[in-house]
Amino acid sequence: MAETIVQPSRANLIEFLEFAGDKGLMKKATAGSYKKAANIILGIIDEAEASDLTKIDLDDIFYRHRNKAAGKIVPPTLKAYETRTRAAVNNFLEYIKDPTTWKPGVQQRPSRAKKAAAPTKKSKGLERREVPFQQPSIHIDLQIHISPEATPKQIDQIFDSISRHLPLK
């Protein structure tokens, strides 16, 4: 990738993302997901629009893409593509301004192993303690409708059956 990118085009954005991932300026997986999202979202604009990303309205492009992708891409995936495309374009435009001082606008998350090993912070006056496992309790409301024509013997049989199958504690 050249030292400076003169034209803020879609093609140069994709080239920048490959460069950033290859050179370790951002994680390769992050650069790859940005590239995929940008290709999908910005793929709906024509070459004239794509030639200068400083002049595009991302919100309008997202709206147009949502309309075209309706029923094909689920909303959470669309949202992820939009977030990644916005981040990719913003990082690219910041890089163009000054490549020598540019830092990616990507916050690195700690790995799961680091999260598990990290000590938990204690709140003031509160202490973390283990709660013993308890079996879940079950509550059942039973409503019985007995015919007024039922004999006392039938009623006793109903309640005997209930007590055998649902013992009360």
N, C-alpha and C. Protein backbone atom coordinates (compact mmCIF):
# COMPACT_ATOMS: atom_id res chain seq x y z
N MET A 1 0.86 -1.17 0.00
CA MET A 1 0.00 0.00 0.00
C MET A 1 0.89 1.23 0.00
N ALA A 2 0.54 2.22 -0.75
CA ALA A 2 1.34 3.44 -0.84
C ALA A 2 1.36 4.16 0.49
N GLU A 3 2.37 5.02 0.65
CA GLU A 3 2.52 5.77 1.90
C GLU A 3 1.28 6.62 2.16
N THR A 4 0.78 7.28 1.14
CA THR A 4 -0.42 8.09 1.29
C THR A 4 -1.45 7.68 0.23
N ILE A 5 -2.68 7.67 0.64
CA ILE A 5 -3.76 7.35 -0.29
C ILE A 5 -4.41 8.67 -0.65
N VAL A 6 -4.31 9.03 -1.91
CA VAL A 6 -4.84 10.32 -2.34
C VAL A 6 -6.35 10.28 -2.48
N GLN A 7 -6.85 9.28 -3.14
CA GLN A 7 -8.28 9.21 -3.44
C GLN A 7 -9.02 8.36 -2.41
N PRO A 8 -9.98 8.95 -1.69
CA PRO A 8 -10.75 8.18 -0.70
C PRO A 8 -11.88 7.39 -1.36
N SER A 9 -11.51 6.41 -2.18
CA SER A 9 -12.50 5.64 -2.93
C SER A 9 -12.80 4.32 -2.24
N ARG A 10 -13.86 3.68 -2.70
CA ARG A 10 -14.23 2.36 -2.18
C ARG A 10 -13.10 1.36 -2.42
N ALA A 11 -12.51 1.39 -3.61
CA ALA A 11 -11.42 0.46 -3.92
C ALA A 11 -10.23 0.68 -2.99
N ASN A 12 -9.91 1.93 -2.71
CA ASN A 12 -8.79 2.21 -1.80
C ASN A 12 -9.15 1.87 -0.36
N LEU A 13 -10.41 1.97 0.01
CA LEU A 13 -10.84 1.54 1.35
C LEU A 13 -10.56 0.04 1.51
N ILE A 14 -10.93 -0.74 0.52
CA ILE A 14 -10.71 -2.19 0.58
C ILE A 14 -9.21 -2.49 0.64
N GLU A 15 -8.43 -1.78 -0.17
CA GLU A 15 -6.97 -1.95 -0.17
C GLU A 15 -6.40 -1.57 1.20
N PHE A 16 -6.90 -0.49 1.79
CA PHE A 16 -6.45 -0.05 3.12
C PHE A 16 -6.74 -1.12 4.17
N LEU A 17 -7.93 -1.72 4.13
CA LEU A 17 -8.28 -2.74 5.12
C LEU A 17 -7.38 -3.97 5.00
N GLU A 18 -7.06 -4.36 3.77
CA GLU A 18 -6.12 -5.47 3.57
C GLU A 18 -4.76 -5.11 4.14
N PHE A 19 -4.30 -3.89 3.85
CA PHE A 19 -3.02 -3.39 4.34
C PHE A 19 -2.98 -3.37 5.87
N ALA A 20 -4.03 -2.82 6.49
CA ALA A 20 -4.08 -2.71 7.95
C ALA A 20 -4.06 -4.08 8.62
N GLY A 21 -4.74 -5.05 8.04
CA GLY A 21 -4.73 -6.41 8.58
C GLY A 21 -3.39 -7.09 8.39
N ASP A 22 -2.80 -6.93 7.20
CA ASP A 22 -1.52 -7.57 6.90
C ASP A 22 -0.38 -6.99 7.73
N LYS A 23 -0.40 -5.70 7.97
CA LYS A 23 0.68 -5.04 8.71
C LYS A 23 0.48 -5.04 10.22
N GLY A 24 -0.64 -5.60 10.68
CA GLY A 24 -0.89 -5.66 12.12
C GLY A 24 -1.37 -4.34 12.71
N LEU A 25 -1.82 -3.43 11.87
CA LEU A 25 -2.35 -2.17 12.38
C LEU A 25 -3.70 -2.38 13.07
N MET A 26 -4.38 -3.44 12.68
CA MET A 26 -5.57 -3.90 13.37
C MET A 26 -5.59 -5.41 13.20
N LYS A 27 -6.34 -6.09 14.05
CA LYS A 27 -6.38 -7.54 13.96
C LYS A 27 -6.88 -7.94 12.57
N LYS A 28 -6.27 -8.98 12.04
CA LYS A 28 -6.62 -9.45 10.70
C LYS A 28 -8.11 -9.80 10.60
N ALA A 29 -8.66 -10.41 11.66
CA ALA A 29 -10.08 -10.77 11.65
C ALA A 29 -10.96 -9.53 11.63
N THR A 30 -10.55 -8.49 12.37
CA THR A 30 -11.31 -7.24 12.38
C THR A 30 -11.28 -6.61 11.00
N ALA A 31 -10.09 -6.52 10.43
CA ALA A 31 -9.95 -5.94 9.09
C ALA A 31 -10.78 -6.74 8.08
N GLY A 32 -10.77 -8.06 8.22
CA GLY A 32 -11.55 -8.90 7.31
C GLY A 32 -13.04 -8.69 7.45
N SER A 33 -13.52 -8.55 8.70
CA SER A 33 -14.97 -8.34 8.88
C SER A 33 -15.37 -6.95 8.40
N TYR A 34 -14.49 -5.96 8.57
CA TYR A 34 -14.76 -4.62 8.04
C TYR A 34 -14.83 -4.67 6.51
N LYS A 35 -13.88 -5.39 5.92
CA LYS A 35 -13.82 -5.48 4.46
C LYS A 35 -15.09 -6.14 3.90
N LYS A 36 -15.49 -7.24 4.53
CA LYS A 36 -16.70 -7.94 4.06
C LYS A 36 -17.92 -7.02 4.16
N ALA A 37 -18.08 -6.37 5.31
CA ALA A 37 -19.24 -5.48 5.51
C ALA A 37 -19.21 -4.32 4.51
N ALA A 38 -18.04 -3.72 4.33
CA ALA A 38 -17.92 -2.58 3.41
C ALA A 38 -18.23 -3.02 1.98
N ASN A 39 -17.75 -4.18 1.58
CA ASN A 39 -18.06 -4.69 0.24
C ASN A 39 -19.55 -4.89 0.05
N ILE A 40 -20.21 -5.42 1.07
CA ILE A 40 -21.65 -5.69 0.97
C ILE A 40 -22.45 -4.39 0.95
N ILE A 41 -22.19 -3.53 1.93
CA ILE A 41 -22.97 -2.27 2.04
C ILE A 41 -22.64 -1.31 0.90
N LEU A 42 -21.35 -1.07 0.69
CA LEU A 42 -20.97 -0.09 -0.34
C LEU A 42 -21.08 -0.65 -1.75
N GLY A 43 -21.37 -1.94 -1.85
CA GLY A 43 -21.56 -2.55 -3.16
C GLY A 43 -22.80 -2.05 -3.88
N ILE A 44 -23.71 -1.40 -3.17
CA ILE A 44 -24.93 -0.92 -3.82
C ILE A 44 -24.74 0.44 -4.50
N ILE A 45 -23.62 1.12 -4.20
CA ILE A 45 -23.43 2.44 -4.81
C ILE A 45 -22.66 2.30 -6.12
N ASP A 46 -22.91 3.23 -7.05
CA ASP A 46 -22.24 3.17 -8.34
C ASP A 46 -20.82 3.72 -8.24
N GLU A 47 -20.07 3.59 -9.30
CA GLU A 47 -18.66 3.99 -9.31
C GLU A 47 -18.49 5.49 -9.04
N ALA A 48 -19.41 6.30 -9.53
CA ALA A 48 -19.30 7.74 -9.30
C ALA A 48 -19.40 8.06 -7.80
N GLU A 49 -20.37 7.45 -7.14
CA GLU A 49 -20.50 7.65 -5.69
C GLU A 49 -19.31 7.05 -4.95
N ALA A 50 -18.85 5.91 -5.40
CA ALA A 50 -17.78 5.18 -4.72
C ALA A 50 -16.41 5.82 -4.91
N SER A 51 -16.31 6.77 -5.81
CA SER A 51 -15.00 7.37 -6.08
C SER A 51 -14.56 8.35 -5.00
N ASP A 52 -15.49 8.85 -4.17
CA ASP A 52 -15.11 9.77 -3.09
C ASP A 52 -15.98 9.51 -1.87
N LEU A 53 -15.45 8.76 -0.91
CA LEU A 53 -16.21 8.38 0.28
C LEU A 53 -16.43 9.55 1.24
N THR A 54 -15.71 10.66 1.03
CA THR A 54 -15.94 11.83 1.89
C THR A 54 -17.25 12.52 1.56
N LYS A 55 -17.79 12.24 0.39
CA LYS A 55 -19.02 12.91 -0.06
C LYS A 55 -20.27 12.06 0.08
N ILE A 56 -20.14 10.83 0.57
CA ILE A 56 -21.32 9.97 0.67
C ILE A 56 -22.02 10.17 2.01
N ASP A 57 -23.30 9.90 2.02
CA ASP A 57 -24.11 9.93 3.25
C ASP A 57 -24.32 8.47 3.66
N LEU A 58 -23.54 8.04 4.66
CA LEU A 58 -23.61 6.63 5.07
C LEU A 58 -25.01 6.24 5.52
N ASP A 59 -25.69 7.11 6.25
CA ASP A 59 -27.04 6.77 6.72
C ASP A 59 -27.98 6.52 5.55
N ASP A 60 -27.84 7.32 4.50
CA ASP A 60 -28.67 7.13 3.31
C ASP A 60 -28.32 5.80 2.62
N ILE A 61 -27.04 5.48 2.56
CA ILE A 61 -26.61 4.22 1.95
C ILE A 61 -27.11 3.04 2.78
N PHE A 62 -27.06 3.16 4.11
CA PHE A 62 -27.57 2.09 4.98
C PHE A 62 -29.07 1.89 4.73
N TYR A 63 -29.80 2.98 4.62
CA TYR A 63 -31.24 2.92 4.36
C TYR A 63 -31.51 2.21 3.03
N ARG A 64 -30.77 2.60 2.01
CA ARG A 64 -30.95 1.98 0.69
C ARG A 64 -30.60 0.49 0.74
N HIS A 65 -29.52 0.17 1.44
CA HIS A 65 -29.11 -1.23 1.53
C HIS A 65 -30.15 -2.06 2.29
N ARG A 66 -30.70 -1.49 3.39
CA ARG A 66 -31.75 -2.20 4.15
C ARG A 66 -32.93 -2.51 3.26
N ASN A 67 -33.32 -1.57 2.42
CA ASN A 67 -34.44 -1.79 1.50
C ASN A 67 -34.13 -2.91 0.51
N LYS A 68 -32.91 -2.94 -0.02
CA LYS A 68 -32.54 -3.97 -0.99
C LYS A 68 -32.37 -5.34 -0.33
N ALA A 69 -31.94 -5.35 0.94
CA ALA A 69 -31.64 -6.61 1.63
C ALA A 69 -32.83 -7.15 2.42
N ALA A 70 -33.96 -6.43 2.39
CA ALA A 70 -35.12 -6.85 3.18
C ALA A 70 -35.50 -8.28 2.84
N GLY A 71 -35.61 -9.10 3.88
CA GLY A 71 -35.99 -10.50 3.72
C GLY A 71 -34.83 -11.41 3.35
N LYS A 72 -33.66 -10.85 3.02
CA LYS A 72 -32.50 -11.65 2.64
C LYS A 72 -31.48 -11.72 3.77
N ILE A 73 -31.34 -10.63 4.50
CA ILE A 73 -30.36 -10.56 5.60
C ILE A 73 -31.13 -10.18 6.86
N VAL A 74 -30.91 -10.93 7.93
CA VAL A 74 -31.64 -10.67 9.17
C VAL A 74 -31.18 -9.35 9.80
N PRO A 75 -32.08 -8.65 10.51
CA PRO A 75 -31.76 -7.33 11.06
C PRO A 75 -30.50 -7.28 11.93
N PRO A 76 -30.23 -8.24 12.82
CA PRO A 76 -28.98 -8.13 13.60
C PRO A 76 -27.72 -8.16 12.71
N THR A 77 -27.76 -8.93 11.64
CA THR A 77 -26.62 -8.98 10.73
C THR A 77 -26.48 -7.66 9.98
N LEU A 78 -27.62 -7.10 9.55
CA LEU A 78 -27.59 -5.79 8.89
C LEU A 78 -26.97 -4.74 9.81
N LYS A 79 -27.37 -4.76 11.06
CA LYS A 79 -26.85 -3.79 12.04
C LYS A 79 -25.34 -3.95 12.20
N ALA A 80 -24.87 -5.20 12.26
CA ALA A 80 -23.43 -5.46 12.38
C ALA A 80 -22.70 -4.95 11.13
N TYR A 81 -23.24 -5.20 9.95
CA TYR A 81 -22.62 -4.72 8.71
C TYR A 81 -22.54 -3.19 8.72
N GLU A 82 -23.61 -2.53 9.16
CA GLU A 82 -23.62 -1.08 9.17
C GLU A 82 -22.59 -0.53 10.14
N THR A 83 -22.52 -1.12 11.33
CA THR A 83 -21.54 -0.67 12.34
C THR A 83 -20.12 -0.85 11.82
N ARG A 84 -19.85 -2.00 11.23
CA ARG A 84 -18.51 -2.28 10.72
C ARG A 84 -18.15 -1.39 9.53
N THR A 85 -19.13 -1.14 8.66
CA THR A 85 -18.86 -0.28 7.51
C THR A 85 -18.56 1.14 7.98
N ARG A 86 -19.33 1.64 8.93
CA ARG A 86 -19.09 2.99 9.46
C ARG A 86 -17.69 3.06 10.07
N ALA A 87 -17.32 2.05 10.86
CA ALA A 87 -15.99 2.03 11.49
C ALA A 87 -14.89 1.97 10.43
N ALA A 88 -15.10 1.15 9.40
CA ALA A 88 -14.10 1.01 8.33
C ALA A 88 -13.89 2.33 7.61
N VAL A 89 -14.99 2.98 7.23
CA VAL A 89 -14.90 4.25 6.50
C VAL A 89 -14.24 5.31 7.39
N ASN A 90 -14.67 5.40 8.65
CA ASN A 90 -14.08 6.39 9.57
C ASN A 90 -12.59 6.16 9.77
N ASN A 91 -12.18 4.90 9.98
CA ASN A 91 -10.76 4.59 10.13
C ASN A 91 -9.98 4.96 8.88
N PHE A 92 -10.53 4.64 7.74
CA PHE A 92 -9.88 4.93 6.46
C PHE A 92 -9.70 6.44 6.26
N LEU A 93 -10.76 7.20 6.51
CA LEU A 93 -10.67 8.65 6.32
C LEU A 93 -9.69 9.28 7.31
N GLU A 94 -9.63 8.76 8.53
CA GLU A 94 -8.66 9.25 9.51
C GLU A 94 -7.23 8.91 9.06
N TYR A 95 -7.06 7.73 8.51
CA TYR A 95 -5.74 7.30 8.01
C TYR A 95 -5.28 8.22 6.89
N ILE A 96 -6.18 8.57 6.01
CA ILE A 96 -5.82 9.44 4.88
C ILE A 96 -5.32 10.79 5.37
N LYS A 97 -5.92 11.32 6.44
CA LYS A 97 -5.52 12.63 6.96
C LYS A 97 -4.05 12.64 7.38
N ASP A 98 -3.62 11.60 8.11
CA ASP A 98 -2.23 11.53 8.54
C ASP A 98 -1.84 10.09 8.83
N PRO A 99 -1.31 9.42 7.83
CA PRO A 99 -0.96 8.00 7.99
C PRO A 99 0.10 7.75 9.06
N THR A 100 0.96 8.72 9.32
CA THR A 100 2.06 8.50 10.27
C THR A 100 1.60 8.47 11.72
N THR A 101 0.52 9.16 12.04
CA THR A 101 0.06 9.19 13.44
C THR A 101 -1.25 8.43 13.65
N TRP A 102 -1.77 7.82 12.60
CA TRP A 102 -3.07 7.15 12.68
C TRP A 102 -3.02 5.96 13.62
N LYS A 103 -4.03 5.86 14.45
CA LYS A 103 -4.25 4.70 15.31
C LYS A 103 -5.66 4.21 15.01
N PRO A 104 -5.84 2.89 14.92
CA PRO A 104 -7.20 2.40 14.61
C PRO A 104 -8.17 2.75 15.71
N GLY A 105 -9.40 3.04 15.32
CA GLY A 105 -10.45 3.34 16.28
C GLY A 105 -11.12 2.08 16.77
N VAL A 106 -10.36 1.01 16.87
CA VAL A 106 -10.89 -0.28 17.30
C VAL A 106 -10.40 -0.51 18.72
N GLN A 107 -11.31 -0.75 19.63
CA GLN A 107 -10.93 -1.07 21.00
C GLN A 107 -10.75 -2.57 21.09
N GLN A 108 -9.59 -2.98 21.55
CA GLN A 108 -9.31 -4.40 21.68
C GLN A 108 -9.99 -4.94 22.93
N ARG A 109 -10.72 -6.01 22.79
CA ARG A 109 -11.36 -6.66 23.93
C ARG A 109 -10.38 -7.66 24.51
N PRO A 110 -10.39 -7.81 25.84
CA PRO A 110 -9.53 -8.85 26.41
C PRO A 110 -10.03 -10.22 26.00
N SER A 111 -9.11 -11.16 25.87
CA SER A 111 -9.51 -12.51 25.49
C SER A 111 -10.32 -13.13 26.61
N ARG A 112 -11.04 -14.18 26.30
CA ARG A 112 -11.86 -14.85 27.31
C ARG A 112 -10.99 -15.39 28.44
N ALA A 113 -9.81 -15.87 28.11
CA ALA A 113 -8.91 -16.41 29.13
C ALA A 113 -8.48 -15.29 30.09
N LYS A 114 -8.20 -14.11 29.55
CA LYS A 114 -7.81 -12.99 30.40
C LYS A 114 -8.97 -12.53 31.27
N LYS A 115 -10.17 -12.55 30.71
CA LYS A 115 -11.35 -12.16 31.50
C LYS A 115 -11.54 -13.09 32.68
N ALA A 116 -11.36 -14.39 32.45
CA ALA A 116 -11.57 -15.37 33.51
C ALA A 116 -10.50 -15.24 34.59
N ALA A 117 -9.27 -14.90 34.19
CA ALA A 117 -8.18 -14.80 35.15
C ALA A 117 -8.16 -13.45 35.87
N ALA A 118 -8.82 -12.46 35.32
CA ALA A 118 -8.80 -11.12 35.93
C ALA A 118 -9.52 -11.12 37.27
N PRO A 119 -8.92 -10.46 38.27
CA PRO A 119 -9.59 -10.40 39.58
C PRO A 119 -10.83 -9.52 39.49
N THR A 120 -11.84 -9.87 40.25
CA THR A 120 -13.07 -9.08 40.24
C THR A 120 -12.91 -7.91 41.18
N LYS A 121 -13.48 -6.79 40.81
CA LYS A 121 -13.43 -5.60 41.66
C LYS A 121 -14.49 -5.73 42.73
N LYS A 122 -14.13 -5.29 43.92
CA LYS A 122 -15.11 -5.31 45.01
C LYS A 122 -15.74 -3.94 45.13
N SER A 123 -17.03 -3.93 45.29
CA SER A 123 -17.73 -2.68 45.51
C SER A 123 -17.49 -2.26 46.95
N LYS A 124 -17.60 -0.97 47.20
CA LYS A 124 -17.40 -0.48 48.55
C LYS A 124 -18.43 -1.10 49.49
N GLY A 125 -17.93 -1.76 50.51
CA GLY A 125 -18.81 -2.31 51.53
C GLY A 125 -19.50 -3.60 51.13
N LEU A 126 -19.37 -4.02 49.88
CA LEU A 126 -20.01 -5.25 49.44
C LEU A 126 -18.95 -6.30 49.17
N GLU A 127 -19.24 -7.48 49.55
CA GLU A 127 -18.30 -8.58 49.36
C GLU A 127 -18.96 -9.65 48.51
N ARG A 128 -18.21 -10.21 47.62
CA ARG A 128 -18.74 -11.27 46.77
C ARG A 128 -18.68 -12.58 47.54
N ARG A 129 -19.79 -13.31 47.57
CA ARG A 129 -19.80 -14.58 48.28
C ARG A 129 -20.53 -15.61 47.44
N GLU A 130 -20.16 -16.84 47.67
CA GLU A 130 -20.77 -17.95 46.95
C GLU A 130 -22.14 -18.26 47.54
N VAL A 131 -23.09 -18.51 46.67
CA VAL A 131 -24.44 -18.88 47.10
C VAL A 131 -24.59 -20.37 46.80
N PRO A 132 -24.95 -21.17 47.81
CA PRO A 132 -25.08 -22.60 47.56
C PRO A 132 -26.21 -22.88 46.56
N PHE A 133 -26.02 -23.93 45.79
CA PHE A 133 -27.02 -24.31 44.80
C PHE A 133 -28.29 -24.79 45.50
N GLN A 134 -29.42 -24.33 45.03
CA GLN A 134 -30.70 -24.76 45.56
C GLN A 134 -31.53 -25.32 44.42
N GLN A 135 -32.23 -26.39 44.71
CA GLN A 135 -33.13 -26.95 43.72
C GLN A 135 -34.23 -25.93 43.44
N PRO A 136 -34.63 -25.80 42.21
CA PRO A 136 -35.72 -24.87 41.92
C PRO A 136 -37.02 -25.38 42.53
N SER A 137 -37.81 -24.45 42.99
CA SER A 137 -39.09 -24.84 43.55
C SER A 137 -40.16 -24.72 42.47
N ILE A 138 -41.18 -25.52 42.60
CA ILE A 138 -42.27 -25.51 41.64
C ILE A 138 -43.55 -25.18 42.38
N HIS A 139 -44.29 -24.28 41.79
CA HIS A 139 -45.57 -23.89 42.38
C HIS A 139 -46.65 -24.19 41.35
N ILE A 140 -47.64 -24.97 41.76
CA ILE A 140 -48.73 -25.32 40.85
C ILE A 140 -50.05 -24.92 41.50
N ASP A 141 -50.81 -24.17 40.77
CA ASP A 141 -52.17 -23.85 41.20
C ASP A 141 -53.11 -24.82 40.48
N LEU A 142 -53.91 -25.51 41.27
CA LEU A 142 -54.81 -26.50 40.71
C LEU A 142 -56.24 -26.07 41.00
N GLN A 143 -57.02 -26.00 39.97
CA GLN A 143 -58.41 -25.61 40.14
C GLN A 143 -59.28 -26.78 39.67
N ILE A 144 -60.18 -27.21 40.54
CA ILE A 144 -61.02 -28.37 40.23
C ILE A 144 -62.48 -27.92 40.19
N HIS A 145 -63.13 -28.28 39.13
CA HIS A 145 -64.56 -27.98 39.00
C HIS A 145 -65.32 -29.30 39.13
N ILE A 146 -66.10 -29.39 40.16
CA ILE A 146 -66.86 -30.62 40.42
C ILE A 146 -68.34 -30.33 40.18
N SER A 147 -68.96 -31.23 39.48
CA SER A 147 -70.37 -31.08 39.15
C SER A 147 -71.21 -31.10 40.43
N PRO A 148 -72.24 -30.28 40.51
CA PRO A 148 -73.12 -30.32 41.68
C PRO A 148 -73.84 -31.65 41.84
N GLU A 149 -73.93 -32.43 40.76
CA GLU A 149 -74.58 -33.74 40.84
C GLU A 149 -73.66 -34.83 41.37
N ALA A 150 -72.35 -34.51 41.62
CA ALA A 150 -71.41 -35.53 42.10
C ALA A 150 -71.79 -35.94 43.51
N THR A 151 -71.64 -37.23 43.76
CA THR A 151 -71.97 -37.77 45.09
C THR A 151 -70.77 -37.55 46.01
N PRO A 152 -70.96 -37.58 47.32
CA PRO A 152 -69.84 -37.45 48.24
C PRO A 152 -68.77 -38.52 48.02
N LYS A 153 -69.19 -39.72 47.63
CA LYS A 153 -68.24 -40.80 47.38
C LYS A 153 -67.35 -40.44 46.18
N GLN A 154 -67.92 -39.86 45.12
CA GLN A 154 -67.14 -39.48 43.95
C GLN A 154 -66.15 -38.36 44.29
N ILE A 155 -66.60 -37.42 45.11
CA ILE A 155 -65.73 -36.31 45.52
C ILE A 155 -64.55 -36.86 46.32
N ASP A 156 -64.81 -37.80 47.25
CA ASP A 156 -63.72 -38.41 48.02
C ASP A 156 -62.73 -39.14 47.11
N GLN A 157 -63.25 -39.82 46.09
CA GLN A 157 -62.38 -40.54 45.17
C GLN A 157 -61.47 -39.56 44.40
N ILE A 158 -62.03 -38.43 44.01
CA ILE A 158 -61.24 -37.41 43.28
C ILE A 158 -60.08 -36.94 44.16
N PHE A 159 -60.39 -36.59 45.42
CA PHE A 159 -59.34 -36.06 46.30
C PHE A 159 -58.36 -37.15 46.73
N ASP A 160 -58.79 -38.37 46.85
CA ASP A 160 -57.87 -39.47 47.14
C ASP A 160 -56.87 -39.64 45.97
N SER A 161 -57.38 -39.57 44.76
CA SER A 161 -56.54 -39.70 43.58
C SER A 161 -55.52 -38.56 43.52
N ILE A 162 -55.98 -37.36 43.79
CA ILE A 162 -55.07 -36.20 43.77
C ILE A 162 -53.98 -36.37 44.83
N SER A 163 -54.34 -36.79 46.03
CA SER A 163 -53.34 -36.93 47.10
C SER A 163 -52.34 -38.04 46.78
N ARG A 164 -52.75 -39.07 46.05
CA ARG A 164 -51.81 -40.13 45.67
C ARG A 164 -50.83 -39.64 44.59
N HIS A 165 -51.31 -38.85 43.66
CA HIS A 165 -50.46 -38.42 42.52
C HIS A 165 -49.74 -37.10 42.76
N LEU A 166 -50.26 -36.29 43.65
CA LEU A 166 -49.59 -35.00 43.98
C LEU A 166 -49.46 -34.91 45.50
N PRO A 167 -48.48 -35.62 46.06
CA PRO A 167 -48.35 -35.58 47.51
C PRO A 167 -47.98 -34.18 47.99
N LEU A 168 -48.63 -33.74 49.04
CA LEU A 168 -48.35 -32.43 49.63
C LEU A 168 -47.28 -32.60 50.70
N LYS A 169 -46.40 -31.66 50.79
CA LYS A 169 -45.33 -31.72 51.79
C LYS A 169 -45.64 -30.80 52.93
